[in-house]
N, C-alpha and C. Protein backbone atom coordinates (compact mmCIF):
# COMPACT_ATOMS: atom_id res chain seq x y z
N MET A 1 21.23 -29.79 -10.69
CA MET A 1 21.08 -29.13 -9.41
C MET A 1 22.19 -29.55 -8.44
N VAL A 2 22.47 -30.86 -8.41
CA VAL A 2 23.52 -31.35 -7.51
C VAL A 2 24.86 -30.75 -7.89
N ASN A 3 25.10 -30.62 -9.20
CA ASN A 3 26.36 -30.01 -9.66
C ASN A 3 26.50 -28.59 -9.14
N LEU A 4 25.39 -27.84 -9.15
CA LEU A 4 25.43 -26.45 -8.66
C LEU A 4 25.70 -26.41 -7.15
N ILE A 5 25.13 -27.37 -6.42
CA ILE A 5 25.37 -27.43 -4.97
C ILE A 5 26.85 -27.69 -4.69
N TRP A 6 27.42 -28.68 -5.39
CA TRP A 6 28.85 -28.98 -5.19
C TRP A 6 29.72 -27.79 -5.59
N LEU A 7 29.39 -27.16 -6.72
CA LEU A 7 30.14 -25.98 -7.16
C LEU A 7 30.07 -24.88 -6.10
N GLY A 8 28.88 -24.65 -5.56
CA GLY A 8 28.73 -23.63 -4.54
C GLY A 8 29.55 -23.93 -3.30
N MET A 9 29.58 -25.20 -2.87
CA MET A 9 30.36 -25.58 -1.70
C MET A 9 31.86 -25.36 -1.94
N ILE A 10 32.32 -25.72 -3.15
CA ILE A 10 33.74 -25.57 -3.46
C ILE A 10 34.13 -24.09 -3.49
N VAL A 11 33.31 -23.30 -4.19
CA VAL A 11 33.61 -21.86 -4.29
C VAL A 11 33.56 -21.21 -2.92
N PHE A 12 32.57 -21.56 -2.11
CA PHE A 12 32.44 -21.00 -0.76
C PHE A 12 33.65 -21.37 0.09
N GLY A 13 34.10 -22.62 -0.01
CA GLY A 13 35.28 -23.06 0.75
C GLY A 13 36.53 -22.30 0.34
N ILE A 14 36.71 -22.09 -0.96
CA ILE A 14 37.89 -21.36 -1.45
C ILE A 14 37.84 -19.90 -0.97
N LEU A 15 36.65 -19.29 -1.03
CA LEU A 15 36.51 -17.89 -0.59
C LEU A 15 36.80 -17.74 0.90
N VAL A 16 36.29 -18.68 1.71
CA VAL A 16 36.54 -18.62 3.15
C VAL A 16 38.02 -18.80 3.45
N ALA A 17 38.66 -19.77 2.75
CA ALA A 17 40.10 -19.98 2.95
C ALA A 17 40.89 -18.75 2.54
N ALA A 18 40.51 -18.12 1.42
CA ALA A 18 41.22 -16.93 0.97
C ALA A 18 41.01 -15.77 1.94
N ALA A 19 39.80 -15.63 2.47
CA ALA A 19 39.52 -14.54 3.42
C ALA A 19 40.30 -14.70 4.72
N ASN A 20 40.59 -15.93 5.10
CA ASN A 20 41.36 -16.20 6.32
C ASN A 20 42.86 -16.28 6.07
N GLY A 21 43.26 -16.08 4.81
CA GLY A 21 44.69 -16.13 4.47
C GLY A 21 45.26 -17.54 4.47
N ASN A 22 44.41 -18.56 4.28
CA ASN A 22 44.86 -19.95 4.28
C ASN A 22 44.58 -20.64 2.95
N ILE A 23 44.80 -19.93 1.86
CA ILE A 23 44.49 -20.49 0.53
C ILE A 23 45.33 -21.73 0.23
N ASP A 24 46.52 -21.83 0.84
CA ASP A 24 47.37 -23.01 0.59
C ASP A 24 46.73 -24.29 1.14
N ILE A 25 45.84 -24.15 2.13
CA ILE A 25 45.14 -25.32 2.68
C ILE A 25 44.25 -25.96 1.62
N VAL A 26 43.67 -25.13 0.75
CA VAL A 26 42.80 -25.65 -0.30
C VAL A 26 43.58 -26.57 -1.23
N THR A 27 44.77 -26.12 -1.63
CA THR A 27 45.60 -26.94 -2.53
C THR A 27 46.02 -28.23 -1.85
N THR A 28 46.45 -28.13 -0.60
CA THR A 28 46.87 -29.32 0.15
C THR A 28 45.72 -30.31 0.30
N ALA A 29 44.55 -29.80 0.68
CA ALA A 29 43.38 -30.67 0.87
C ALA A 29 42.96 -31.33 -0.44
N ALA A 30 43.02 -30.57 -1.54
CA ALA A 30 42.64 -31.13 -2.84
C ALA A 30 43.57 -32.26 -3.25
N LEU A 31 44.89 -32.06 -3.07
CA LEU A 31 45.85 -33.10 -3.45
C LEU A 31 45.75 -34.32 -2.54
N GLU A 32 45.60 -34.08 -1.23
CA GLU A 32 45.45 -35.20 -0.30
C GLU A 32 44.16 -35.97 -0.56
N GLY A 33 43.09 -35.24 -0.82
CA GLY A 33 41.81 -35.89 -1.12
C GLY A 33 41.88 -36.74 -2.37
N ALA A 34 42.54 -36.21 -3.41
CA ALA A 34 42.68 -36.97 -4.65
C ALA A 34 43.50 -38.24 -4.42
N GLY A 35 44.58 -38.11 -3.64
CA GLY A 35 45.41 -39.28 -3.34
C GLY A 35 44.65 -40.33 -2.55
N ASN A 36 43.90 -39.89 -1.55
CA ASN A 36 43.10 -40.84 -0.76
C ASN A 36 42.03 -41.51 -1.59
N ALA A 37 41.44 -40.76 -2.53
CA ALA A 37 40.40 -41.32 -3.39
C ALA A 37 40.98 -42.44 -4.26
N VAL A 38 42.18 -42.20 -4.80
CA VAL A 38 42.82 -43.22 -5.65
C VAL A 38 43.15 -44.46 -4.83
N LYS A 39 43.71 -44.27 -3.62
CA LYS A 39 44.06 -45.41 -2.76
C LYS A 39 42.82 -46.21 -2.39
N THR A 40 41.75 -45.52 -2.03
CA THR A 40 40.51 -46.20 -1.65
C THR A 40 39.93 -46.96 -2.83
N SER A 41 39.94 -46.33 -4.01
CA SER A 41 39.40 -46.98 -5.21
C SER A 41 40.16 -48.24 -5.55
N LEU A 42 41.50 -48.17 -5.50
CA LEU A 42 42.32 -49.34 -5.82
C LEU A 42 42.09 -50.45 -4.80
N ALA A 43 41.97 -50.08 -3.52
CA ALA A 43 41.74 -51.10 -2.50
C ALA A 43 40.38 -51.75 -2.67
N LEU A 44 39.37 -50.96 -3.06
CA LEU A 44 38.03 -51.51 -3.23
C LEU A 44 37.90 -52.38 -4.47
N ILE A 45 38.79 -52.18 -5.45
CA ILE A 45 38.75 -53.03 -6.64
C ILE A 45 38.92 -54.49 -6.25
N ALA A 46 39.85 -54.75 -5.33
CA ALA A 46 40.08 -56.13 -4.89
C ALA A 46 38.83 -56.69 -4.21
N VAL A 47 38.20 -55.89 -3.35
CA VAL A 47 37.01 -56.36 -2.64
C VAL A 47 35.87 -56.62 -3.62
N ILE A 48 35.65 -55.67 -4.52
CA ILE A 48 34.56 -55.82 -5.49
C ILE A 48 34.81 -57.01 -6.40
N THR A 49 36.05 -57.18 -6.83
CA THR A 49 36.40 -58.32 -7.68
C THR A 49 36.13 -59.63 -6.95
N PHE A 50 36.52 -59.70 -5.68
CA PHE A 50 36.29 -60.91 -4.89
C PHE A 50 34.81 -61.23 -4.81
N TRP A 51 33.98 -60.23 -4.45
CA TRP A 51 32.56 -60.50 -4.28
C TRP A 51 31.85 -60.74 -5.60
N LEU A 52 32.32 -60.13 -6.68
CA LEU A 52 31.76 -60.44 -7.99
C LEU A 52 32.07 -61.88 -8.37
N GLY A 53 33.27 -62.34 -8.00
CA GLY A 53 33.62 -63.75 -8.22
C GLY A 53 32.73 -64.67 -7.42
N ILE A 54 32.48 -64.30 -6.15
CA ILE A 54 31.56 -65.08 -5.31
C ILE A 54 30.16 -65.10 -5.94
N MET A 55 29.75 -63.93 -6.47
CA MET A 55 28.44 -63.84 -7.12
C MET A 55 28.36 -64.77 -8.32
N ASN A 56 29.45 -64.82 -9.11
CA ASN A 56 29.46 -65.72 -10.27
C ASN A 56 29.40 -67.18 -9.84
N LEU A 57 30.13 -67.53 -8.77
CA LEU A 57 30.06 -68.89 -8.25
C LEU A 57 28.65 -69.22 -7.76
N ALA A 58 28.04 -68.26 -7.06
CA ALA A 58 26.68 -68.47 -6.57
C ALA A 58 25.70 -68.63 -7.73
N GLU A 59 25.94 -67.87 -8.79
CA GLU A 59 25.07 -67.98 -9.97
C GLU A 59 25.22 -69.34 -10.62
N GLU A 60 26.48 -69.79 -10.76
CA GLU A 60 26.73 -71.11 -11.36
C GLU A 60 26.14 -72.23 -10.51
N ALA A 61 26.16 -72.04 -9.18
CA ALA A 61 25.63 -73.06 -8.27
C ALA A 61 24.11 -73.01 -8.17
N GLY A 62 23.50 -72.01 -8.76
CA GLY A 62 22.05 -71.91 -8.74
C GLY A 62 21.49 -71.12 -7.57
N LEU A 63 22.37 -70.52 -6.75
CA LEU A 63 21.90 -69.78 -5.57
C LEU A 63 21.18 -68.50 -5.97
N ILE A 64 21.65 -67.86 -7.03
CA ILE A 64 21.00 -66.62 -7.48
C ILE A 64 19.60 -66.94 -8.00
N THR A 65 19.49 -68.04 -8.73
CA THR A 65 18.17 -68.46 -9.23
C THR A 65 17.24 -68.77 -8.08
N LEU A 66 17.77 -69.44 -7.05
CA LEU A 66 16.98 -69.77 -5.87
C LEU A 66 16.52 -68.49 -5.15
N LEU A 67 17.45 -67.55 -4.98
CA LEU A 67 17.11 -66.28 -4.34
C LEU A 67 16.07 -65.53 -5.16
N SER A 68 16.24 -65.56 -6.47
CA SER A 68 15.28 -64.89 -7.35
C SER A 68 13.89 -65.50 -7.21
N ARG A 69 13.83 -66.83 -7.11
CA ARG A 69 12.53 -67.50 -6.95
C ARG A 69 11.89 -67.14 -5.60
N LEU A 70 12.75 -67.01 -4.58
CA LEU A 70 12.24 -66.69 -3.24
C LEU A 70 11.63 -65.29 -3.19
N ILE A 71 12.25 -64.33 -3.89
CA ILE A 71 11.75 -62.95 -3.82
C ILE A 71 10.76 -62.61 -4.93
N ALA A 72 10.60 -63.53 -5.91
CA ALA A 72 9.69 -63.24 -7.02
C ALA A 72 8.26 -62.96 -6.57
N PRO A 73 7.67 -63.72 -5.62
CA PRO A 73 6.30 -63.40 -5.19
C PRO A 73 6.19 -62.00 -4.58
N ALA A 74 7.20 -61.60 -3.81
CA ALA A 74 7.17 -60.26 -3.22
C ALA A 74 7.25 -59.19 -4.31
N MET A 75 8.04 -59.45 -5.35
CA MET A 75 8.17 -58.48 -6.43
C MET A 75 6.86 -58.36 -7.22
N LYS A 76 6.17 -59.49 -7.40
CA LYS A 76 4.87 -59.44 -8.11
C LYS A 76 3.86 -58.65 -7.31
N PHE A 77 3.94 -58.75 -5.96
CA PHE A 77 3.04 -57.99 -5.10
C PHE A 77 3.36 -56.49 -5.16
N LEU A 78 4.66 -56.16 -5.14
CA LEU A 78 5.07 -54.76 -5.14
C LEU A 78 4.89 -54.09 -6.50
N PHE A 79 4.96 -54.89 -7.57
CA PHE A 79 4.87 -54.34 -8.93
C PHE A 79 3.74 -55.02 -9.69
N PRO A 80 2.48 -54.79 -9.28
CA PRO A 80 1.36 -55.49 -9.92
C PRO A 80 1.14 -55.08 -11.38
N SER A 81 1.64 -53.90 -11.76
CA SER A 81 1.40 -53.43 -13.13
C SER A 81 2.40 -53.98 -14.13
N ILE A 82 3.42 -54.71 -13.65
CA ILE A 82 4.43 -55.27 -14.55
C ILE A 82 4.14 -56.76 -14.74
N PRO A 83 3.96 -57.20 -15.99
CA PRO A 83 3.73 -58.64 -16.22
C PRO A 83 4.89 -59.48 -15.70
N GLY A 84 4.60 -60.64 -15.17
CA GLY A 84 5.63 -61.49 -14.56
C GLY A 84 6.73 -61.91 -15.52
N ASN A 85 6.40 -62.04 -16.81
CA ASN A 85 7.40 -62.48 -17.78
C ASN A 85 8.05 -61.32 -18.52
N HIS A 86 7.79 -60.09 -18.09
CA HIS A 86 8.37 -58.92 -18.77
C HIS A 86 9.84 -58.76 -18.37
N PRO A 87 10.70 -58.32 -19.31
CA PRO A 87 12.12 -58.12 -18.98
C PRO A 87 12.35 -57.19 -17.79
N ALA A 88 11.45 -56.23 -17.57
CA ALA A 88 11.59 -55.32 -16.43
C ALA A 88 11.55 -56.08 -15.11
N MET A 89 10.68 -57.08 -15.00
CA MET A 89 10.58 -57.86 -13.77
C MET A 89 11.85 -58.66 -13.53
N GLY A 90 12.40 -59.25 -14.59
CA GLY A 90 13.65 -59.99 -14.45
C GLY A 90 14.79 -59.09 -13.99
N ALA A 91 14.87 -57.88 -14.56
CA ALA A 91 15.92 -56.93 -14.17
C ALA A 91 15.73 -56.47 -12.73
N ILE A 92 14.48 -56.25 -12.32
CA ILE A 92 14.20 -55.85 -10.94
C ILE A 92 14.64 -56.93 -9.97
N ILE A 93 14.29 -58.17 -10.27
CA ILE A 93 14.65 -59.29 -9.38
C ILE A 93 16.16 -59.44 -9.29
N MET A 94 16.87 -59.32 -10.40
CA MET A 94 18.33 -59.43 -10.37
C MET A 94 18.96 -58.26 -9.60
N ASN A 95 18.39 -57.07 -9.77
CA ASN A 95 18.89 -55.89 -9.05
C ASN A 95 18.72 -56.07 -7.54
N VAL A 96 17.54 -56.49 -7.13
CA VAL A 96 17.27 -56.68 -5.71
C VAL A 96 18.15 -57.80 -5.14
N SER A 97 18.31 -58.88 -5.91
CA SER A 97 19.16 -59.99 -5.45
C SER A 97 20.60 -59.53 -5.22
N ALA A 98 21.13 -58.74 -6.16
CA ALA A 98 22.50 -58.23 -6.01
C ALA A 98 22.60 -57.29 -4.82
N ASN A 99 21.59 -56.46 -4.61
CA ASN A 99 21.60 -55.54 -3.46
C ASN A 99 21.55 -56.31 -2.15
N ILE A 100 20.75 -57.36 -2.10
CA ILE A 100 20.65 -58.17 -0.89
C ILE A 100 22.00 -58.77 -0.54
N LEU A 101 22.76 -59.14 -1.56
CA LEU A 101 24.09 -59.73 -1.35
C LEU A 101 25.17 -58.66 -1.18
N GLY A 102 24.78 -57.39 -1.14
CA GLY A 102 25.74 -56.32 -0.90
C GLY A 102 26.57 -55.95 -2.11
N LEU A 103 26.11 -56.30 -3.29
CA LEU A 103 26.86 -56.02 -4.52
C LEU A 103 26.23 -54.87 -5.28
N GLY A 104 26.27 -53.69 -4.67
CA GLY A 104 25.65 -52.52 -5.27
C GLY A 104 26.19 -52.20 -6.65
N ASN A 105 27.50 -52.41 -6.86
CA ASN A 105 28.08 -52.12 -8.17
C ASN A 105 27.56 -53.07 -9.24
N ALA A 106 27.31 -54.32 -8.86
CA ALA A 106 26.75 -55.28 -9.81
C ALA A 106 25.26 -55.02 -10.02
N ALA A 107 24.61 -54.41 -9.02
CA ALA A 107 23.17 -54.15 -9.12
C ALA A 107 22.85 -52.97 -10.02
N THR A 108 23.78 -52.03 -10.14
CA THR A 108 23.51 -50.81 -10.90
C THR A 108 23.12 -51.06 -12.35
N PRO A 109 23.86 -51.89 -13.11
CA PRO A 109 23.43 -52.12 -14.51
C PRO A 109 22.03 -52.71 -14.61
N MET A 110 21.69 -53.64 -13.71
CA MET A 110 20.35 -54.22 -13.73
C MET A 110 19.30 -53.17 -13.38
N GLY A 111 19.64 -52.24 -12.49
CA GLY A 111 18.72 -51.16 -12.14
C GLY A 111 18.44 -50.26 -13.33
N LEU A 112 19.48 -49.94 -14.10
CA LEU A 112 19.31 -49.10 -15.29
C LEU A 112 18.45 -49.81 -16.33
N ILE A 113 18.71 -51.12 -16.51
CA ILE A 113 17.91 -51.89 -17.47
C ILE A 113 16.45 -51.94 -17.02
N ALA A 114 16.24 -52.13 -15.71
CA ALA A 114 14.86 -52.17 -15.18
C ALA A 114 14.12 -50.87 -15.47
N MET A 115 14.79 -49.74 -15.24
CA MET A 115 14.16 -48.45 -15.50
C MET A 115 13.84 -48.27 -16.98
N GLN A 116 14.76 -48.68 -17.85
CA GLN A 116 14.52 -48.57 -19.29
C GLN A 116 13.33 -49.42 -19.72
N GLU A 117 13.25 -50.63 -19.18
CA GLU A 117 12.14 -51.52 -19.53
C GLU A 117 10.82 -50.99 -18.98
N MET A 118 10.84 -50.43 -17.77
CA MET A 118 9.61 -49.87 -17.21
C MET A 118 9.16 -48.64 -18.00
N GLN A 119 10.13 -47.90 -18.54
CA GLN A 119 9.77 -46.74 -19.36
C GLN A 119 9.01 -47.18 -20.61
N LYS A 120 9.35 -48.37 -21.13
CA LYS A 120 8.63 -48.88 -22.30
C LYS A 120 7.17 -49.18 -21.97
N LEU A 121 6.88 -49.48 -20.71
CA LEU A 121 5.51 -49.76 -20.29
C LEU A 121 4.76 -48.49 -19.89
N ASN A 122 5.45 -47.36 -19.88
CA ASN A 122 4.85 -46.10 -19.44
C ASN A 122 3.88 -45.60 -20.50
N ARG A 123 2.59 -45.68 -20.17
CA ARG A 123 1.56 -45.24 -21.13
C ARG A 123 1.13 -43.81 -20.88
N GLY A 124 1.73 -43.16 -19.90
CA GLY A 124 1.38 -41.77 -19.59
C GLY A 124 2.43 -40.82 -20.14
N ASP A 125 2.69 -39.77 -19.40
CA ASP A 125 3.69 -38.77 -19.77
C ASP A 125 5.08 -39.40 -19.67
N PRO A 126 5.84 -39.43 -20.77
CA PRO A 126 7.16 -40.07 -20.72
C PRO A 126 8.16 -39.37 -19.81
N HIS A 127 7.85 -38.13 -19.40
CA HIS A 127 8.73 -37.39 -18.50
C HIS A 127 8.31 -37.53 -17.04
N THR A 128 7.30 -38.34 -16.78
CA THR A 128 6.81 -38.56 -15.42
C THR A 128 7.01 -40.02 -15.04
N ALA A 129 7.60 -40.24 -13.87
CA ALA A 129 7.83 -41.61 -13.41
C ALA A 129 6.51 -42.30 -13.10
N THR A 130 6.44 -43.58 -13.44
CA THR A 130 5.25 -44.37 -13.13
C THR A 130 5.30 -44.81 -11.67
N ASP A 131 4.18 -45.36 -11.20
CA ASP A 131 4.15 -45.90 -9.84
C ASP A 131 5.21 -46.97 -9.66
N ALA A 132 5.34 -47.84 -10.66
CA ALA A 132 6.32 -48.92 -10.57
C ALA A 132 7.74 -48.37 -10.48
N MET A 133 8.04 -47.32 -11.23
CA MET A 133 9.36 -46.70 -11.17
C MET A 133 9.64 -46.13 -9.79
N CYS A 134 8.64 -45.46 -9.21
CA CYS A 134 8.81 -44.88 -7.86
C CYS A 134 9.03 -45.97 -6.83
N THR A 135 8.26 -47.06 -6.94
CA THR A 135 8.43 -48.18 -6.01
C THR A 135 9.82 -48.78 -6.15
N PHE A 136 10.28 -48.96 -7.38
CA PHE A 136 11.60 -49.54 -7.61
C PHE A 136 12.69 -48.64 -7.05
N LEU A 137 12.56 -47.34 -7.25
CA LEU A 137 13.56 -46.41 -6.72
C LEU A 137 13.61 -46.49 -5.20
N ALA A 138 12.45 -46.52 -4.56
CA ALA A 138 12.40 -46.63 -3.10
C ALA A 138 13.03 -47.94 -2.63
N LEU A 139 12.71 -49.03 -3.33
CA LEU A 139 13.24 -50.34 -2.95
C LEU A 139 14.74 -50.43 -3.21
N ASN A 140 15.18 -49.89 -4.32
CA ASN A 140 16.59 -49.97 -4.70
C ASN A 140 17.48 -49.19 -3.74
N THR A 141 17.02 -48.02 -3.30
CA THR A 141 17.85 -47.19 -2.44
C THR A 141 17.82 -47.62 -0.98
N SER A 142 16.87 -48.50 -0.62
CA SER A 142 16.75 -48.90 0.78
C SER A 142 16.76 -50.41 0.96
N CYS A 143 17.27 -51.12 -0.01
CA CYS A 143 17.15 -52.58 -0.03
C CYS A 143 17.87 -53.25 1.15
N LEU A 144 17.27 -54.33 1.62
CA LEU A 144 17.88 -55.17 2.64
C LEU A 144 19.24 -55.64 2.17
N THR A 145 20.24 -55.57 3.03
CA THR A 145 21.59 -56.02 2.69
C THR A 145 22.03 -57.07 3.71
N LEU A 146 22.30 -58.27 3.23
CA LEU A 146 22.75 -59.35 4.12
C LEU A 146 24.26 -59.35 4.30
N ILE A 147 24.99 -58.97 3.23
CA ILE A 147 26.45 -58.97 3.29
C ILE A 147 26.95 -57.60 2.82
N PRO A 148 27.27 -56.69 3.73
CA PRO A 148 27.75 -55.36 3.33
C PRO A 148 29.22 -55.41 2.88
N SER A 149 29.44 -55.98 1.70
CA SER A 149 30.80 -56.27 1.26
C SER A 149 31.67 -55.02 1.12
N THR A 150 31.11 -53.92 0.62
CA THR A 150 31.91 -52.70 0.46
C THR A 150 32.32 -52.14 1.81
N ILE A 151 31.40 -52.12 2.77
CA ILE A 151 31.72 -51.62 4.11
C ILE A 151 32.78 -52.50 4.77
N ILE A 152 32.62 -53.81 4.63
CA ILE A 152 33.61 -54.74 5.19
C ILE A 152 34.98 -54.48 4.57
N GLY A 153 35.01 -54.27 3.25
CA GLY A 153 36.26 -53.99 2.56
C GLY A 153 36.93 -52.72 3.06
N ILE A 154 36.14 -51.67 3.27
CA ILE A 154 36.70 -50.41 3.76
C ILE A 154 37.24 -50.60 5.18
N ARG A 155 36.52 -51.36 6.00
CA ARG A 155 36.98 -51.61 7.38
C ARG A 155 38.28 -52.42 7.39
N VAL A 156 38.39 -53.39 6.50
CA VAL A 156 39.63 -54.17 6.38
C VAL A 156 40.77 -53.26 5.96
N MET A 157 40.49 -52.40 4.98
CA MET A 157 41.50 -51.50 4.44
C MET A 157 42.06 -50.56 5.52
N HIS A 158 41.22 -50.18 6.46
CA HIS A 158 41.66 -49.26 7.52
C HIS A 158 42.06 -49.97 8.80
N GLY A 159 42.27 -51.28 8.72
CA GLY A 159 42.83 -52.03 9.83
C GLY A 159 41.88 -52.35 10.96
N SER A 160 40.60 -52.51 10.65
CA SER A 160 39.63 -52.85 11.69
C SER A 160 39.94 -54.23 12.29
N ALA A 161 39.84 -54.33 13.61
CA ALA A 161 40.11 -55.61 14.28
C ALA A 161 38.98 -56.61 14.02
N ALA A 162 37.77 -56.12 13.81
CA ALA A 162 36.63 -57.00 13.56
C ALA A 162 35.79 -56.40 12.43
N PRO A 163 36.25 -56.53 11.18
CA PRO A 163 35.57 -55.86 10.07
C PRO A 163 34.15 -56.35 9.79
N THR A 164 33.83 -57.58 10.24
CA THR A 164 32.50 -58.11 9.94
C THR A 164 31.48 -57.88 11.06
N GLU A 165 31.87 -57.19 12.12
CA GLU A 165 30.94 -57.00 13.24
C GLU A 165 29.77 -56.09 12.89
N VAL A 166 29.83 -55.44 11.74
CA VAL A 166 28.73 -54.55 11.33
C VAL A 166 27.62 -55.30 10.61
N VAL A 167 27.81 -56.60 10.37
CA VAL A 167 26.83 -57.35 9.58
C VAL A 167 25.46 -57.33 10.25
N GLY A 168 25.38 -57.64 11.53
CA GLY A 168 24.09 -57.68 12.22
C GLY A 168 23.38 -56.35 12.21
N THR A 169 24.10 -55.28 12.54
CA THR A 169 23.48 -53.95 12.56
C THR A 169 23.10 -53.50 11.15
N THR A 170 23.88 -53.91 10.16
CA THR A 170 23.55 -53.55 8.77
C THR A 170 22.26 -54.23 8.35
N ILE A 171 22.11 -55.51 8.68
CA ILE A 171 20.87 -56.23 8.34
C ILE A 171 19.68 -55.55 9.00
N PHE A 172 19.82 -55.22 10.29
CA PHE A 172 18.72 -54.58 11.02
C PHE A 172 18.39 -53.21 10.43
N ALA A 173 19.41 -52.39 10.19
CA ALA A 173 19.19 -51.03 9.68
C ALA A 173 18.57 -51.06 8.28
N THR A 174 19.09 -51.91 7.41
CA THR A 174 18.56 -51.96 6.04
C THR A 174 17.17 -52.57 6.00
N ALA A 175 16.89 -53.52 6.91
CA ALA A 175 15.53 -54.09 6.98
C ALA A 175 14.54 -53.01 7.41
N CYS A 176 14.92 -52.22 8.41
CA CYS A 176 14.05 -51.12 8.85
C CYS A 176 13.85 -50.10 7.74
N GLY A 177 14.94 -49.73 7.08
CA GLY A 177 14.85 -48.75 6.00
C GLY A 177 13.97 -49.23 4.86
N MET A 178 14.13 -50.50 4.47
CA MET A 178 13.33 -51.04 3.37
C MET A 178 11.86 -51.11 3.76
N THR A 179 11.58 -51.51 4.99
CA THR A 179 10.19 -51.58 5.45
C THR A 179 9.53 -50.21 5.40
N VAL A 180 10.21 -49.20 5.92
CA VAL A 180 9.66 -47.85 5.91
C VAL A 180 9.47 -47.36 4.48
N ALA A 181 10.45 -47.61 3.60
CA ALA A 181 10.35 -47.15 2.21
C ALA A 181 9.15 -47.77 1.51
N VAL A 182 8.95 -49.07 1.70
CA VAL A 182 7.84 -49.76 1.04
C VAL A 182 6.50 -49.26 1.60
N LEU A 183 6.42 -49.09 2.92
CA LEU A 183 5.17 -48.63 3.53
C LEU A 183 4.83 -47.20 3.10
N VAL A 184 5.83 -46.33 3.07
CA VAL A 184 5.59 -44.94 2.64
C VAL A 184 5.19 -44.91 1.16
N ASP A 185 5.84 -45.76 0.35
CA ASP A 185 5.49 -45.82 -1.07
C ASP A 185 4.03 -46.23 -1.23
N ARG A 186 3.58 -47.25 -0.49
CA ARG A 186 2.20 -47.71 -0.58
C ARG A 186 1.24 -46.62 -0.07
N LEU A 187 1.64 -45.93 1.00
CA LEU A 187 0.81 -44.86 1.55
C LEU A 187 0.64 -43.74 0.53
N PHE A 188 1.75 -43.32 -0.08
CA PHE A 188 1.68 -42.25 -1.07
C PHE A 188 0.88 -42.68 -2.30
N ARG A 189 1.00 -43.95 -2.66
CA ARG A 189 0.20 -44.42 -3.80
C ARG A 189 -1.28 -44.31 -3.49
N THR A 190 -1.65 -44.65 -2.26
CA THR A 190 -3.06 -44.59 -1.86
C THR A 190 -3.55 -43.14 -1.82
N ILE A 191 -2.73 -42.26 -1.26
CA ILE A 191 -3.14 -40.86 -1.11
C ILE A 191 -3.20 -40.13 -2.44
N PHE A 192 -2.18 -40.36 -3.28
CA PHE A 192 -2.06 -39.59 -4.52
C PHE A 192 -2.46 -40.37 -5.76
N SER A 193 -3.15 -41.50 -5.59
CA SER A 193 -3.52 -42.29 -6.77
C SER A 193 -4.49 -41.52 -7.64
N ARG A 194 -4.27 -41.67 -8.94
CA ARG A 194 -5.15 -41.02 -9.91
C ARG A 194 -5.75 -42.08 -10.79
N PRO A 195 -7.01 -41.97 -11.17
CA PRO A 195 -7.63 -42.96 -12.04
C PRO A 195 -6.89 -43.07 -13.36
N GLY A 196 -6.66 -44.29 -13.78
CA GLY A 196 -6.01 -44.52 -15.07
C GLY A 196 -4.52 -44.39 -15.04
N ARG A 197 -3.93 -44.11 -13.85
CA ARG A 197 -2.47 -43.95 -13.78
C ARG A 197 -1.81 -45.30 -13.73
N TYR A 198 -0.77 -45.51 -14.51
CA TYR A 198 -0.03 -46.78 -14.53
C TYR A 198 0.75 -46.96 -13.26
């Protein structure tokens, strides 16, 4: 569906440009956009590499284990249907820990593993997401972020005088978003709960 939306936007833009006699703008915008995408990607590689290195140092120092222990009780509360020693719980905790540290790229593989492991626990329709999957999706997309490393990197790349000044507002915004996501998830679970549903 998303592919069709993007295709429609592209075709509509080309048709409008052609109707206005500015079809050359489409070519120019496409080439400039591609160039900017490559420059941004290359610049972000350095930022992501740096923070992944910090993540590895934190892991070696035991900080990731400590963070995992701190959030484990909350994860057990949010995911009561997943056994504490199940691989899905470990993947969820690692995903949330990486998101909290602003390492969305490092969190993605753990998120995929978590979903695969939760699918193994799905005793209902394999094409229908379980309650735990819905909760994880809500938590993953709205997770609290303490260090917005990618945003800081983009601000540095564009010459921001104070690239880290967004940290406070990011913590506040992501905390609000995560709180609302968890509350709405619990509300929907209560309203739409079905007997025997995992």
